[in-house]
C-alpha atoms as a PDB file:
ATOM      1  CA  MET A   1    -123.112  22.414 -12.871  1.00  0.00           C
ATOM      2  CA  LEU A   2    -120.062  24.483 -13.796  1.00  0.00           C
ATOM      3  CA  THR A   3    -120.416  26.681 -10.704  1.00  0.00           C
ATOM      4  CA  THR A   4    -120.555  23.591  -8.503  1.00  0.00           C
ATOM      5  CA  ILE A   5    -117.299  22.309  -9.960  1.00  0.00           C
ATOM      6  CA  LEU A   6    -115.682  25.731  -9.619  1.00  0.00           C
ATOM      7  CA  LEU A   7    -116.815  25.981  -5.990  1.00  0.00           C
ATOM      8  CA  ALA A   8    -115.428  22.498  -5.279  1.00  0.00           C
ATOM      9  CA  VAL A   9    -112.075  23.394  -6.876  1.00  0.00           C
ATOM     10  CA  LEU A  10    -112.012  26.683  -4.966  1.00  0.00           C
ATOM     11  CA  ALA A  11    -112.719  24.833  -1.704  1.00  0.00           C
ATOM     12  CA  VAL A  12    -109.911  22.353  -2.381  1.00  0.00           C
ATOM     13  CA  VAL A  13    -107.491  25.183  -3.175  1.00  0.00           C
ATOM     14  CA  ALA A  14    -108.557  27.066  -0.028  1.00  0.00           C
ATOM     15  CA  VAL A  15    -108.025  24.011   2.178  1.00  0.00           C
ATOM     16  CA  GLY A  16    -104.658  23.356   0.554  1.00  0.00           C
ATOM     17  CA  ALA A  17    -103.567  26.971   1.022  1.00  0.00           C
ATOM     18  CA  ALA A  18    -104.650  26.930   4.664  1.00  0.00           C
ATOM     19  CA  GLY A  19    -102.729  23.709   5.245  1.00  0.00           C
ATOM     20  CA  PHE A  20     -99.696  25.155   3.492  1.00  0.00           C
ATOM     21  CA  ALA A  21     -99.853  28.294   5.650  1.00  0.00           C
ATOM     22  CA  LEU A  22    -100.494  26.558   8.961  1.00  0.00           C
ATOM     23  CA  VAL A  23     -98.070  23.644   8.612  1.00  0.00           C
ATOM     24  CA  PRO A  24     -94.821  25.026   7.176  1.00  0.00           C
ATOM     25  CA  SER A  25     -92.774  22.296   8.837  1.00  0.00           C
ATOM     26  CA  ALA A  26     -94.291  19.778   6.412  1.00  0.00           C
ATOM     27  CA  LEU A  27     -92.185  21.360   3.676  1.00  0.00           C
ATOM     28  CA  GLY A  28     -88.929  20.932   5.590  1.00  0.00           C
ATOM     29  CA  ASN A  29     -88.400  24.627   6.147  1.00  0.00           C
ATOM     30  CA  THR A  30     -84.784  24.481   7.299  1.00  0.00           C
ATOM     31  CA  ARG A  31     -84.101  28.187   6.748  1.00  0.00           C
ATOM     32  CA  ALA A  32     -86.773  29.117   9.269  1.00  0.00           C
ATOM     33  CA  ASP A  33     -85.369  26.569  11.713  1.00  0.00           C
ATOM     34  CA  LYS A  34     -81.884  28.048  11.326  1.00  0.00           C
ATOM     35  CA  ARG A  35     -83.196  31.565  11.904  1.00  0.00           C
ATOM     36  CA  LEU A  36     -85.062  30.402  14.995  1.00  0.00           C
ATOM     37  CA  LYS A  37     -81.974  28.679  16.397  1.00  0.00           C
ATOM     38  CA  ALA A  38     -79.820  31.725  15.680  1.00  0.00           C
ATOM     39  CA  TYR A  39     -82.316  33.945  17.474  1.00  0.00           C
ATOM     40  CA  GLN A  40     -82.466  31.618  20.471  1.00  0.00           C
ATOM     41  CA  GLY A  41     -78.680  31.625  20.630  1.00  0.00           C
ATOM     42  CA  ASP A  42     -78.731  35.407  20.787  1.00  0.00           C
ATOM     43  CA  ILE A  43     -81.242  35.267  23.643  1.00  0.00           C
ATOM     44  CA  ARG A  44     -78.977  32.940  25.622  1.00  0.00           C
ATOM     45  CA  THR A  45     -75.966  35.176  25.064  1.00  0.00           C
ATOM     46  CA  THR A  46     -77.931  38.237  26.095  1.00  0.00           C
ATOM     47  CA  ARG A  47     -79.180  36.510  29.253  1.00  0.00           C
ATOM     48  CA  ARG A  48     -75.644  35.463  30.125  1.00  0.00           C
ATOM     49  CA  GLU A  49     -74.382  39.023  29.666  1.00  0.00           C
ATOM     50  CA  LEU A  50     -77.229  40.399  31.769  1.00  0.00           C
ATOM     51  CA  ASP A  51     -76.437  37.916  34.545  1.00  0.00           C
ATOM     52  CA  VAL A  52     -72.783  39.002  34.500  1.00  0.00           C
ATOM     53  CA  ASN A  53     -73.808  42.653  34.693  1.00  0.00           C
ATOM     54  CA  ARG A  54     -76.212  41.969  37.571  1.00  0.00           C
ATOM     55  CA  THR A  55     -73.533  40.055  39.475  1.00  0.00           C
ATOM     56  CA  ARG A  56     -71.011  42.846  38.898  1.00  0.00           C
ATOM     57  CA  ASP A  57     -73.500  45.490  40.050  1.00  0.00           C
ATOM     58  CA  ALA A  58     -74.413  43.452  43.124  1.00  0.00           C
ATOM     59  CA  ARG A  59     -70.732  43.090  44.068  1.00  0.00           C
ATOM     60  CA  ARG A  60     -70.142  46.797  43.541  1.00  0.00           C
ATOM     61  CA  LYS A  61     -73.082  47.695  45.785  1.00  0.00           C
ATOM     62  CA  THR A  62     -71.918  45.266  48.462  1.00  0.00           C
ATOM     63  CA  VAL A  63     -68.400  46.714  48.437  1.00  0.00           C
ATOM     64  CA  GLN A  64     -69.765  50.261  48.548  1.00  0.00           C
ATOM     65  CA  GLN A  65     -71.946  49.397  51.530  1.00  0.00           C
ATOM     66  CA  ALA A  66     -69.027  47.738  53.327  1.00  0.00           C
ATOM     67  CA  LEU A  67     -66.755  50.731  52.695  1.00  0.00           C
ATOM     68  CA  LYS A  68     -69.451  53.122  53.856  1.00  0.00           C
ATOM     69  CA  ALA A  69     -69.988  51.084  57.015  1.00  0.00           C
ATOM     70  CA  GLN A  70     -66.243  51.081  57.736  1.00  0.00           C
ATOM     71  CA  THR A  71     -66.032  54.820  57.100  1.00  0.00           C
ATOM     72  CA  ASP A  72     -68.968  55.447  59.429  1.00  0.00           C
ATOM     73  CA  GLU A  73     -67.306  53.333  62.148  1.00  0.00           C
ATOM     74  CA  LEU A  74     -64.080  55.323  61.873  1.00  0.00           C
ATOM     75  CA  ASN A  75     -65.893  58.656  62.238  1.00  0.00           C
END
């Protein structure tokens, strides 16, 4: 009888712990949300910087090709 009650309590605690672990948003975890938003902001900034670098590199290559073509035409 006592083991049955202990097993039932253990099962309830296990289900509660699993729910607590799998559904953290039920607790209103604002710190985690802030961290996630801060991280996503960093991703956007990084993407923007990478796009600027790619555009700059593409322009540089285009200008180099144009100058090389003009130099080849002169020679």
